Structures are given as structure tokens and as C-alpha cells.
Amino acid sequence: MDKSRLPEPAQTLVPFWLNATTEGAGVDAPEPDDDGSAKSQRQAQVLLVEDNHINQVVALEFLALMGVQARLAKNGLEALSACAETAPDLVLMDIQMPGMDGLECARRIRAQQREGKLPNFPILALTAHALDADVAASLEAGMDEHLTKPLDFVALRTRLQRWLKLPMAN
């Protein structure tokens, strides 16, 4: 394999929506956005909250292959800011991060949703911790599901399909 033809790895990932491959794939509820377009006419938008660069690359690639747009936040504080800026259709939340961890971030998002400051959207825990106590802590913090790392493409797609309308697989 000629390594000179491989692209350089990204040095930093910035928080913006990454366009995926399929146009017109949307989410279940056709609620109008601020610009008047219906959500059903756009791709599902997932906020990935993850501090580890390798996990970021893998998850963002998986999401792109699934035909969704992804936005990256590197910790809980960035996630709160990203949600306030543009509410996602779903959040994939790492649990252990510097600054504000995923459990506290989920609690704060749910509080803002109860106060009417954010619309409701699912939050899926994403962690290497798989003990019953870890799952219980995620659910208690307001997460809707608990996924374990390392990420498995088929398992992630199956879980996301519970919450989002994904494009048909090729």
C-alpha cells in the first residue's frame, strides 16, 4: 500500500455539522426548523460528545457512513453550548471527560429541557464502563440508553435506528 497517497490525519476537529453522503434523509417528526424547512427534509443531526481523538474519528466516520450529520463537542461544557446553539436530534455522550463529565452534562440538558429552554431529544451514553451500576448511573442521570465502547458499527446503527430515521444501507 502506497502510504504517500493516504490523507494526512486531522490535527483538530472543530465543532460544526459534518455533511454525510445521502441527501434528504431525515428524522421521524416533521417539525419546522427556524428557517421554516421541515426536519423530515434534512439529515438527522447527532451531537457526539467525546474527548478521545481516536474515539472521535471512529464515531464520526461511523455516523457519516450512516448518512447523518455529526457535530463534535469535546466535553460537557462544549456540549451544553452546542445544544444551546443548535439542538441536535440525538446526543452520543461519553461519560468520563475532563471538566464536566457526561453524567452531569446529561442532568443539565434534561433540566434545560424541563424548563423549556431546549427541545426533547434522546441522549445515549457512550462508555467503556458496562457494569450494572454504570448503566443505572447513566439512566439515573437522564440518558435514554447505555452503549459500550469500543463502538461496533452494527450495534450503533441498530441503537440509532430506534431514535432516528436513518437512510437505507447500501
N, C-alpha and C. Protein backbone atom coordinates (compact mmCIF):
# COMPACT_ATOMS: atom_id res chain seq x y z
N MET A 1 0.85 -1.17 0.00
CA MET A 1 0.00 0.00 0.00
C MET A 1 0.89 1.23 0.00
N ASP A 2 0.58 2.16 -0.89
CA ASP A 2 1.36 3.38 -1.03
C ASP A 2 0.88 4.40 -0.01
N LYS A 3 1.65 4.56 1.08
CA LYS A 3 1.25 5.46 2.16
C LYS A 3 1.31 6.93 1.76
N SER A 4 2.02 7.25 0.69
CA SER A 4 2.09 8.65 0.25
C SER A 4 0.76 9.13 -0.30
N ARG A 5 -0.14 8.20 -0.63
CA ARG A 5 -1.44 8.58 -1.18
C ARG A 5 -2.52 8.71 -0.12
N LEU A 6 -2.18 8.36 1.13
CA LEU A 6 -3.15 8.45 2.22
C LEU A 6 -3.26 9.90 2.68
N PRO A 7 -4.47 10.35 3.03
CA PRO A 7 -4.62 11.72 3.53
C PRO A 7 -3.96 11.88 4.89
N GLU A 8 -3.53 13.08 5.18
CA GLU A 8 -2.97 13.40 6.48
C GLU A 8 -4.06 13.33 7.53
N PRO A 9 -3.78 12.83 8.73
CA PRO A 9 -4.82 12.81 9.78
C PRO A 9 -5.15 14.23 10.21
N ALA A 10 -6.40 14.43 10.58
CA ALA A 10 -6.84 15.74 11.04
C ALA A 10 -6.13 16.09 12.35
N GLN A 11 -5.65 17.30 12.44
CA GLN A 11 -4.96 17.74 13.65
C GLN A 11 -5.96 18.10 14.74
N THR A 12 -7.01 18.80 14.38
CA THR A 12 -8.04 19.15 15.35
C THR A 12 -9.39 19.00 14.69
N LEU A 13 -10.37 18.65 15.47
CA LEU A 13 -11.74 18.57 14.98
C LEU A 13 -12.50 19.75 15.56
N VAL A 14 -13.13 20.52 14.70
CA VAL A 14 -13.85 21.69 15.16
C VAL A 14 -15.34 21.39 15.19
N PRO A 15 -16.07 22.03 16.11
CA PRO A 15 -17.49 21.73 16.24
C PRO A 15 -18.33 22.39 15.14
N PHE A 16 -18.59 21.65 14.08
CA PHE A 16 -19.50 22.10 13.04
C PHE A 16 -20.19 20.87 12.48
N TRP A 17 -21.31 21.09 11.79
CA TRP A 17 -22.03 19.95 11.23
C TRP A 17 -21.24 19.40 10.07
N LEU A 18 -20.97 18.11 10.10
CA LEU A 18 -20.27 17.42 9.02
C LEU A 18 -21.32 16.81 8.11
N ASN A 19 -21.30 17.19 6.85
CA ASN A 19 -22.28 16.66 5.92
C ASN A 19 -21.94 15.23 5.55
N ALA A 20 -22.94 14.39 5.61
CA ALA A 20 -22.75 12.99 5.22
C ALA A 20 -23.18 12.82 3.77
N THR A 21 -23.25 11.58 3.32
CA THR A 21 -23.34 11.30 1.90
C THR A 21 -24.74 11.37 1.30
N THR A 22 -25.79 11.11 2.06
CA THR A 22 -27.11 10.98 1.48
C THR A 22 -27.93 12.24 1.71
N GLU A 23 -28.47 12.82 0.64
CA GLU A 23 -29.35 13.98 0.76
C GLU A 23 -30.77 13.54 1.09
N GLY A 24 -31.48 14.34 1.85
CA GLY A 24 -32.89 14.12 2.07
C GLY A 24 -33.25 13.12 3.14
N ALA A 25 -32.28 12.52 3.79
CA ALA A 25 -32.59 11.60 4.88
C ALA A 25 -32.93 12.42 6.11
N GLY A 26 -34.01 12.05 6.78
CA GLY A 26 -34.41 12.90 7.89
C GLY A 26 -34.78 12.12 9.13
N VAL A 27 -35.38 12.82 10.06
CA VAL A 27 -35.82 12.22 11.30
C VAL A 27 -37.31 12.00 11.24
N ASP A 28 -37.86 11.34 12.23
CA ASP A 28 -39.26 10.96 12.19
C ASP A 28 -40.23 12.14 12.20
N ALA A 29 -40.07 13.06 13.10
CA ALA A 29 -41.05 14.13 13.28
C ALA A 29 -40.79 15.29 12.32
N PRO A 30 -41.75 15.65 11.46
CA PRO A 30 -41.55 16.75 10.53
C PRO A 30 -41.88 18.09 11.14
N GLU A 31 -41.12 18.47 12.17
CA GLU A 31 -41.33 19.77 12.82
C GLU A 31 -40.54 20.83 12.07
N PRO A 32 -41.11 22.02 11.88
CA PRO A 32 -40.37 23.04 11.17
C PRO A 32 -39.19 23.56 11.98
N ASP A 33 -38.10 23.84 11.28
CA ASP A 33 -36.95 24.49 11.89
C ASP A 33 -37.19 26.00 11.89
N ASP A 34 -36.25 26.75 12.46
CA ASP A 34 -36.37 28.20 12.48
C ASP A 34 -36.47 28.79 11.08
N ASP A 35 -35.83 28.15 10.10
CA ASP A 35 -35.87 28.68 8.74
C ASP A 35 -37.10 28.22 7.97
N GLY A 36 -38.01 27.48 8.63
CA GLY A 36 -39.25 27.07 8.00
C GLY A 36 -39.19 25.72 7.31
N SER A 37 -37.99 25.15 7.15
CA SER A 37 -37.88 23.85 6.50
C SER A 37 -38.29 22.76 7.48
N ALA A 38 -38.79 21.68 6.97
CA ALA A 38 -39.20 20.57 7.84
C ALA A 38 -38.01 19.68 8.13
N LYS A 39 -37.94 19.17 9.36
CA LYS A 39 -36.85 18.27 9.73
C LYS A 39 -36.84 17.03 8.85
N SER A 40 -38.00 16.63 8.35
CA SER A 40 -38.04 15.43 7.53
C SER A 40 -37.33 15.64 6.20
N GLN A 41 -37.01 16.88 5.86
CA GLN A 41 -36.35 17.19 4.61
C GLN A 41 -34.84 17.33 4.78
N ARG A 42 -34.32 16.99 5.93
CA ARG A 42 -32.89 17.13 6.17
C ARG A 42 -32.36 15.89 6.87
N GLN A 43 -31.05 15.79 6.90
CA GLN A 43 -30.41 14.66 7.56
C GLN A 43 -30.54 14.78 9.07
N ALA A 44 -30.56 13.64 9.73
CA ALA A 44 -30.56 13.63 11.19
C ALA A 44 -29.25 14.25 11.67
N GLN A 45 -29.33 14.98 12.77
CA GLN A 45 -28.15 15.65 13.32
C GLN A 45 -27.84 15.07 14.70
N VAL A 46 -26.62 14.56 14.83
CA VAL A 46 -26.17 13.91 16.06
C VAL A 46 -25.02 14.71 16.64
N LEU A 47 -25.11 14.99 17.92
CA LEU A 47 -24.01 15.63 18.63
C LEU A 47 -23.20 14.53 19.31
N LEU A 48 -21.94 14.41 18.92
CA LEU A 48 -21.02 13.47 19.55
C LEU A 48 -20.24 14.23 20.60
N VAL A 49 -20.32 13.77 21.85
CA VAL A 49 -19.58 14.38 22.95
C VAL A 49 -18.53 13.37 23.38
N GLU A 50 -17.29 13.64 23.01
CA GLU A 50 -16.20 12.68 23.20
C GLU A 50 -14.88 13.43 23.27
N ASP A 51 -14.05 13.10 24.26
CA ASP A 51 -12.77 13.79 24.42
C ASP A 51 -11.59 13.05 23.80
N ASN A 52 -11.73 11.77 23.52
CA ASN A 52 -10.62 10.97 22.99
C ASN A 52 -10.59 11.06 21.46
N HIS A 53 -9.42 11.46 20.93
CA HIS A 53 -9.31 11.70 19.49
C HIS A 53 -9.62 10.45 18.66
N ILE A 54 -9.09 9.31 19.05
CA ILE A 54 -9.33 8.07 18.30
C ILE A 54 -10.83 7.75 18.29
N ASN A 55 -11.46 7.83 19.45
CA ASN A 55 -12.91 7.57 19.53
C ASN A 55 -13.70 8.58 18.70
N GLN A 56 -13.24 9.82 18.65
CA GLN A 56 -13.89 10.85 17.82
C GLN A 56 -13.87 10.44 16.36
N VAL A 57 -12.67 10.07 15.88
CA VAL A 57 -12.51 9.71 14.48
C VAL A 57 -13.39 8.52 14.11
N VAL A 58 -13.37 7.48 14.94
CA VAL A 58 -14.16 6.27 14.67
C VAL A 58 -15.65 6.61 14.66
N ALA A 59 -16.13 7.28 15.69
CA ALA A 59 -17.56 7.58 15.79
C ALA A 59 -18.01 8.50 14.66
N LEU A 60 -17.23 9.52 14.35
CA LEU A 60 -17.62 10.43 13.27
C LEU A 60 -17.66 9.70 11.93
N GLU A 61 -16.73 8.80 11.70
CA GLU A 61 -16.74 8.02 10.46
C GLU A 61 -17.97 7.11 10.42
N PHE A 62 -18.29 6.44 11.51
CA PHE A 62 -19.48 5.60 11.57
C PHE A 62 -20.73 6.42 11.27
N LEU A 63 -20.84 7.59 11.89
CA LEU A 63 -22.02 8.43 11.69
C LEU A 63 -22.13 8.89 10.24
N ALA A 64 -21.01 9.26 9.64
CA ALA A 64 -21.02 9.67 8.23
C ALA A 64 -21.47 8.51 7.34
N LEU A 65 -20.98 7.31 7.64
CA LEU A 65 -21.38 6.14 6.85
C LEU A 65 -22.87 5.84 7.00
N MET A 66 -23.45 6.24 8.13
CA MET A 66 -24.87 6.03 8.36
C MET A 66 -25.74 7.11 7.71
N GLY A 67 -25.10 8.13 7.15
CA GLY A 67 -25.85 9.17 6.47
C GLY A 67 -26.44 10.22 7.38
N VAL A 68 -25.82 10.46 8.52
CA VAL A 68 -26.28 11.53 9.41
C VAL A 68 -25.22 12.63 9.46
N GLN A 69 -25.64 13.80 9.88
CA GLN A 69 -24.70 14.87 10.12
C GLN A 69 -24.24 14.76 11.56
N ALA A 70 -22.98 15.05 11.80
CA ALA A 70 -22.44 14.95 13.14
C ALA A 70 -21.75 16.25 13.54
N ARG A 71 -21.89 16.57 14.79
CA ARG A 71 -21.23 17.72 15.37
C ARG A 71 -20.45 17.20 16.56
N LEU A 72 -19.28 17.77 16.82
CA LEU A 72 -18.41 17.29 17.87
C LEU A 72 -18.30 18.30 19.00
N ALA A 73 -18.40 17.80 20.22
CA ALA A 73 -18.08 18.56 21.43
C ALA A 73 -17.10 17.70 22.21
N LYS A 74 -16.07 18.32 22.77
CA LYS A 74 -15.00 17.56 23.43
C LYS A 74 -15.20 17.38 24.92
N ASN A 75 -16.23 18.01 25.49
CA ASN A 75 -16.53 17.84 26.91
C ASN A 75 -17.96 18.33 27.17
N GLY A 76 -18.38 18.20 28.42
CA GLY A 76 -19.74 18.56 28.77
C GLY A 76 -20.06 20.04 28.57
N LEU A 77 -19.11 20.90 28.87
CA LEU A 77 -19.35 22.34 28.69
C LEU A 77 -19.55 22.69 27.22
N GLU A 78 -18.73 22.11 26.35
CA GLU A 78 -18.90 22.34 24.91
C GLU A 78 -20.24 21.76 24.44
N ALA A 79 -20.66 20.64 25.01
CA ALA A 79 -21.92 20.03 24.62
C ALA A 79 -23.10 20.93 24.99
N LEU A 80 -23.08 21.51 26.18
CA LEU A 80 -24.16 22.43 26.58
C LEU A 80 -24.23 23.61 25.63
N SER A 81 -23.09 24.15 25.29
CA SER A 81 -23.03 25.28 24.37
C SER A 81 -23.55 24.89 22.99
N ALA A 82 -23.13 23.72 22.50
CA ALA A 82 -23.56 23.25 21.18
C ALA A 82 -25.07 23.02 21.14
N CYS A 83 -25.63 22.46 22.22
CA CYS A 83 -27.08 22.22 22.27
C CYS A 83 -27.85 23.54 22.29
N ALA A 84 -27.32 24.52 23.01
CA ALA A 84 -27.98 25.83 23.07
C ALA A 84 -27.93 26.52 21.71
N GLU A 85 -26.83 26.32 20.99
CA GLU A 85 -26.67 26.95 19.67
C GLU A 85 -27.61 26.31 18.65
N THR A 86 -27.59 25.00 18.54
CA THR A 86 -28.44 24.25 17.63
C THR A 86 -28.75 22.92 18.28
N ALA A 87 -29.99 22.73 18.67
CA ALA A 87 -30.37 21.48 19.32
C ALA A 87 -30.24 20.32 18.34
N PRO A 88 -29.57 19.26 18.75
CA PRO A 88 -29.43 18.08 17.89
C PRO A 88 -30.68 17.22 17.93
N ASP A 89 -30.72 16.23 17.07
CA ASP A 89 -31.79 15.24 17.12
C ASP A 89 -31.47 14.14 18.11
N LEU A 90 -30.17 13.97 18.42
CA LEU A 90 -29.72 12.93 19.33
C LEU A 90 -28.32 13.28 19.80
N VAL A 91 -27.99 12.91 21.04
CA VAL A 91 -26.64 13.11 21.59
C VAL A 91 -26.04 11.77 21.93
N LEU A 92 -24.80 11.55 21.48
CA LEU A 92 -23.99 10.41 21.92
C LEU A 92 -23.01 10.97 22.93
N MET A 93 -23.13 10.60 24.19
CA MET A 93 -22.41 11.24 25.28
C MET A 93 -21.42 10.30 25.97
N ASP A 94 -20.14 10.64 25.86
CA ASP A 94 -19.13 9.93 26.64
C ASP A 94 -19.39 10.25 28.11
N ILE A 95 -19.03 9.35 28.99
CA ILE A 95 -19.27 9.56 30.41
C ILE A 95 -18.09 10.24 31.09
N GLN A 96 -16.89 9.74 30.86
CA GLN A 96 -15.71 10.29 31.53
C GLN A 96 -14.99 11.27 30.62
N MET A 97 -15.06 12.56 30.99
CA MET A 97 -14.40 13.62 30.23
C MET A 97 -13.87 14.64 31.22
N PRO A 98 -12.85 15.39 30.81
CA PRO A 98 -12.35 16.45 31.69
C PRO A 98 -13.36 17.59 31.79
N GLY A 99 -13.24 18.35 32.85
CA GLY A 99 -14.18 19.47 33.04
C GLY A 99 -15.50 18.94 33.56
N MET A 100 -16.50 18.93 32.69
CA MET A 100 -17.82 18.41 33.05
C MET A 100 -18.00 17.03 32.41
N ASP A 101 -18.27 16.02 33.23
CA ASP A 101 -18.45 14.67 32.68
C ASP A 101 -19.83 14.52 32.04
N GLY A 102 -20.02 13.38 31.40
CA GLY A 102 -21.25 13.14 30.67
C GLY A 102 -22.49 13.02 31.54
N LEU A 103 -22.34 12.49 32.75
CA LEU A 103 -23.50 12.36 33.63
C LEU A 103 -24.02 13.74 34.05
N GLU A 104 -23.12 14.63 34.44
CA GLU A 104 -23.53 15.98 34.83
C GLU A 104 -24.10 16.74 33.64
N CYS A 105 -23.49 16.56 32.50
CA CYS A 105 -23.99 17.23 31.29
C CYS A 105 -25.40 16.77 30.96
N ALA A 106 -25.65 15.47 31.05
CA ALA A 106 -26.99 14.94 30.78
C ALA A 106 -28.01 15.51 31.77
N ARG A 107 -27.61 15.59 33.05
CA ARG A 107 -28.51 16.18 34.06
C ARG A 107 -28.86 17.62 33.69
N ARG A 108 -27.88 18.39 33.26
CA ARG A 108 -28.12 19.79 32.92
C ARG A 108 -28.96 19.94 31.66
N ILE A 109 -28.71 19.09 30.68
CA ILE A 109 -29.53 19.12 29.46
C ILE A 109 -30.98 18.81 29.81
N ARG A 110 -31.19 17.77 30.61
CA ARG A 110 -32.56 17.40 30.99
C ARG A 110 -33.23 18.52 31.79
N ALA A 111 -32.48 19.20 32.65
CA ALA A 111 -33.05 20.33 33.40
C ALA A 111 -33.47 21.44 32.44
N GLN A 112 -32.64 21.74 31.46
CA GLN A 112 -32.99 22.78 30.48
C GLN A 112 -34.19 22.36 29.65
N GLN A 113 -34.32 21.07 29.36
CA GLN A 113 -35.49 20.60 28.62
C GLN A 113 -36.75 20.74 29.46
N ARG A 114 -36.66 20.42 30.75
CA ARG A 114 -37.83 20.59 31.64
C ARG A 114 -38.24 22.05 31.75
N GLU A 115 -37.26 22.94 31.70
CA GLU A 115 -37.54 24.38 31.78
C GLU A 115 -38.00 24.96 30.45
N GLY A 116 -38.03 24.16 29.41
CA GLY A 116 -38.45 24.64 28.10
C GLY A 116 -37.37 25.38 27.32
N LYS A 117 -36.14 25.32 27.79
CA LYS A 117 -35.04 26.01 27.11
C LYS A 117 -34.47 25.21 25.95
N LEU A 118 -34.68 23.90 25.97
CA LEU A 118 -34.23 23.01 24.91
C LEU A 118 -35.36 22.07 24.54
N PRO A 119 -35.45 21.68 23.27
CA PRO A 119 -36.44 20.66 22.91
C PRO A 119 -35.97 19.29 23.43
N ASN A 120 -36.89 18.35 23.49
CA ASN A 120 -36.52 17.00 23.92
C ASN A 120 -35.79 16.28 22.80
N PHE A 121 -34.75 15.55 23.16
CA PHE A 121 -34.03 14.68 22.24
C PHE A 121 -33.37 13.60 23.07
N PRO A 122 -33.14 12.43 22.47
CA PRO A 122 -32.52 11.33 23.22
C PRO A 122 -31.04 11.58 23.47
N ILE A 123 -30.57 11.07 24.60
CA ILE A 123 -29.15 11.10 24.95
C ILE A 123 -28.74 9.66 25.20
N LEU A 124 -27.74 9.20 24.47
CA LEU A 124 -27.24 7.84 24.61
C LEU A 124 -25.85 7.88 25.22
N ALA A 125 -25.68 7.20 26.33
CA ALA A 125 -24.38 7.12 26.98
C ALA A 125 -23.44 6.30 26.11
N LEU A 126 -22.18 6.71 26.10
CA LEU A 126 -21.15 6.04 25.31
C LEU A 126 -19.95 5.88 26.21
N THR A 127 -19.70 4.65 26.69
CA THR A 127 -18.66 4.47 27.68
C THR A 127 -18.08 3.07 27.64
N ALA A 128 -16.88 2.93 28.17
CA ALA A 128 -16.26 1.62 28.29
C ALA A 128 -16.78 0.89 29.53
N HIS A 129 -17.47 1.60 30.41
CA HIS A 129 -17.97 1.01 31.65
C HIS A 129 -19.30 0.31 31.41
N ALA A 130 -19.34 -0.99 31.68
CA ALA A 130 -20.53 -1.77 31.35
C ALA A 130 -21.16 -2.48 32.54
N LEU A 131 -20.74 -2.16 33.75
CA LEU A 131 -21.34 -2.79 34.92
C LEU A 131 -22.78 -2.31 35.09
N ASP A 132 -23.58 -3.11 35.79
CA ASP A 132 -24.97 -2.73 36.04
C ASP A 132 -25.05 -1.37 36.73
N ALA A 133 -24.13 -1.10 37.65
CA ALA A 133 -24.11 0.20 38.35
C ALA A 133 -23.84 1.35 37.38
N ASP A 134 -23.00 1.12 36.38
CA ASP A 134 -22.71 2.15 35.37
C ASP A 134 -23.94 2.44 34.52
N VAL A 135 -24.63 1.39 34.12
CA VAL A 135 -25.85 1.55 33.33
C VAL A 135 -26.89 2.30 34.16
N ALA A 136 -27.04 1.92 35.42
CA ALA A 136 -28.01 2.58 36.31
C ALA A 136 -27.66 4.05 36.49
N ALA A 137 -26.38 4.38 36.64
CA ALA A 137 -25.96 5.78 36.80
C ALA A 137 -26.29 6.58 35.55
N SER A 138 -26.10 6.00 34.37
CA SER A 138 -26.42 6.68 33.12
C SER A 138 -27.91 6.96 33.02
N LEU A 139 -28.72 5.96 33.29
CA LEU A 139 -30.16 6.13 33.22
C LEU A 139 -30.67 7.11 34.26
N GLU A 140 -30.10 7.06 35.46
CA GLU A 140 -30.48 7.98 36.53
C GLU A 140 -30.15 9.42 36.17
N ALA A 141 -29.07 9.62 35.42
CA ALA A 141 -28.67 10.97 35.01
C ALA A 141 -29.53 11.51 33.88
N GLY A 142 -30.36 10.65 33.28
CA GLY A 142 -31.26 11.12 32.22
C GLY A 142 -30.95 10.57 30.85
N MET A 143 -29.99 9.66 30.76
CA MET A 143 -29.67 9.04 29.47
C MET A 143 -30.81 8.09 29.09
N ASP A 144 -31.02 7.94 27.81
CA ASP A 144 -32.06 7.05 27.32
C ASP A 144 -31.56 5.62 27.10
N GLU A 145 -30.28 5.49 26.79
CA GLU A 145 -29.67 4.18 26.58
C GLU A 145 -28.21 4.26 26.98
N HIS A 146 -27.58 3.09 27.09
CA HIS A 146 -26.18 2.98 27.53
C HIS A 146 -25.46 2.07 26.54
N LEU A 147 -24.58 2.64 25.72
CA LEU A 147 -23.79 1.87 24.75
C LEU A 147 -22.37 1.74 25.27
N THR A 148 -21.75 0.60 25.00
CA THR A 148 -20.39 0.41 25.46
C THR A 148 -19.39 0.53 24.31
N LYS A 149 -18.18 0.96 24.68
CA LYS A 149 -17.06 1.03 23.75
C LYS A 149 -16.23 -0.23 23.92
N PRO A 150 -15.51 -0.65 22.94
CA PRO A 150 -15.34 0.04 21.66
C PRO A 150 -16.62 -0.03 20.83
N LEU A 151 -16.82 1.01 20.03
CA LEU A 151 -18.02 1.09 19.22
C LEU A 151 -18.05 -0.01 18.17
N ASP A 152 -19.21 -0.56 17.99
CA ASP A 152 -19.47 -1.54 16.95
C ASP A 152 -20.46 -0.90 15.98
N PHE A 153 -20.12 -0.88 14.70
CA PHE A 153 -20.93 -0.19 13.70
C PHE A 153 -22.37 -0.69 13.70
N VAL A 154 -22.56 -2.00 13.63
CA VAL A 154 -23.91 -2.56 13.54
C VAL A 154 -24.71 -2.26 14.81
N ALA A 155 -24.08 -2.41 15.96
CA ALA A 155 -24.78 -2.12 17.23
C ALA A 155 -25.16 -0.65 17.32
N LEU A 156 -24.24 0.24 16.91
CA LEU A 156 -24.54 1.68 16.95
C LEU A 156 -25.68 2.01 16.00
N ARG A 157 -25.62 1.47 14.79
CA ARG A 157 -26.69 1.73 13.82
C ARG A 157 -28.04 1.22 14.35
N THR A 158 -28.05 0.04 14.94
CA THR A 158 -29.28 -0.52 15.49
C THR A 158 -29.86 0.39 16.56
N ARG A 159 -28.99 0.88 17.45
CA ARG A 159 -29.46 1.78 18.53
C ARG A 159 -29.97 3.10 17.96
N LEU A 160 -29.24 3.66 17.00
CA LEU A 160 -29.65 4.95 16.43
C LEU A 160 -30.98 4.83 15.69
N GLN A 161 -31.21 3.68 15.05
CA GLN A 161 -32.46 3.48 14.32
C GLN A 161 -33.67 3.46 15.25
N ARG A 162 -33.46 3.20 16.52
CA ARG A 162 -34.57 3.27 17.48
C ARG A 162 -35.05 4.71 17.64
N TRP A 163 -34.16 5.67 17.44
CA TRP A 163 -34.44 7.07 17.75
C TRP A 163 -34.51 7.97 16.53
N LEU A 164 -33.85 7.57 15.43
CA LEU A 164 -33.76 8.41 14.25
C LEU A 164 -34.16 7.63 13.01
N LYS A 165 -34.61 8.35 12.01
CA LYS A 165 -34.83 7.71 10.71
C LYS A 165 -33.51 7.85 9.95
N LEU A 166 -32.85 6.72 9.74
CA LEU A 166 -31.59 6.71 9.02
C LEU A 166 -31.83 6.31 7.57
N PRO A 167 -30.96 6.78 6.67
CA PRO A 167 -31.09 6.35 5.28
C PRO A 167 -30.92 4.84 5.17
N MET A 168 -31.46 4.27 4.14
CA MET A 168 -31.31 2.83 3.91
C MET A 168 -29.83 2.52 3.66
N ALA A 169 -29.36 1.39 4.19
CA ALA A 169 -27.97 0.98 3.99
C ALA A 169 -27.78 0.55 2.55
N ASN A 170 -26.60 0.84 2.03
CA ASN A 170 -26.29 0.46 0.63
C ASN A 170 -25.96 -1.01 0.54
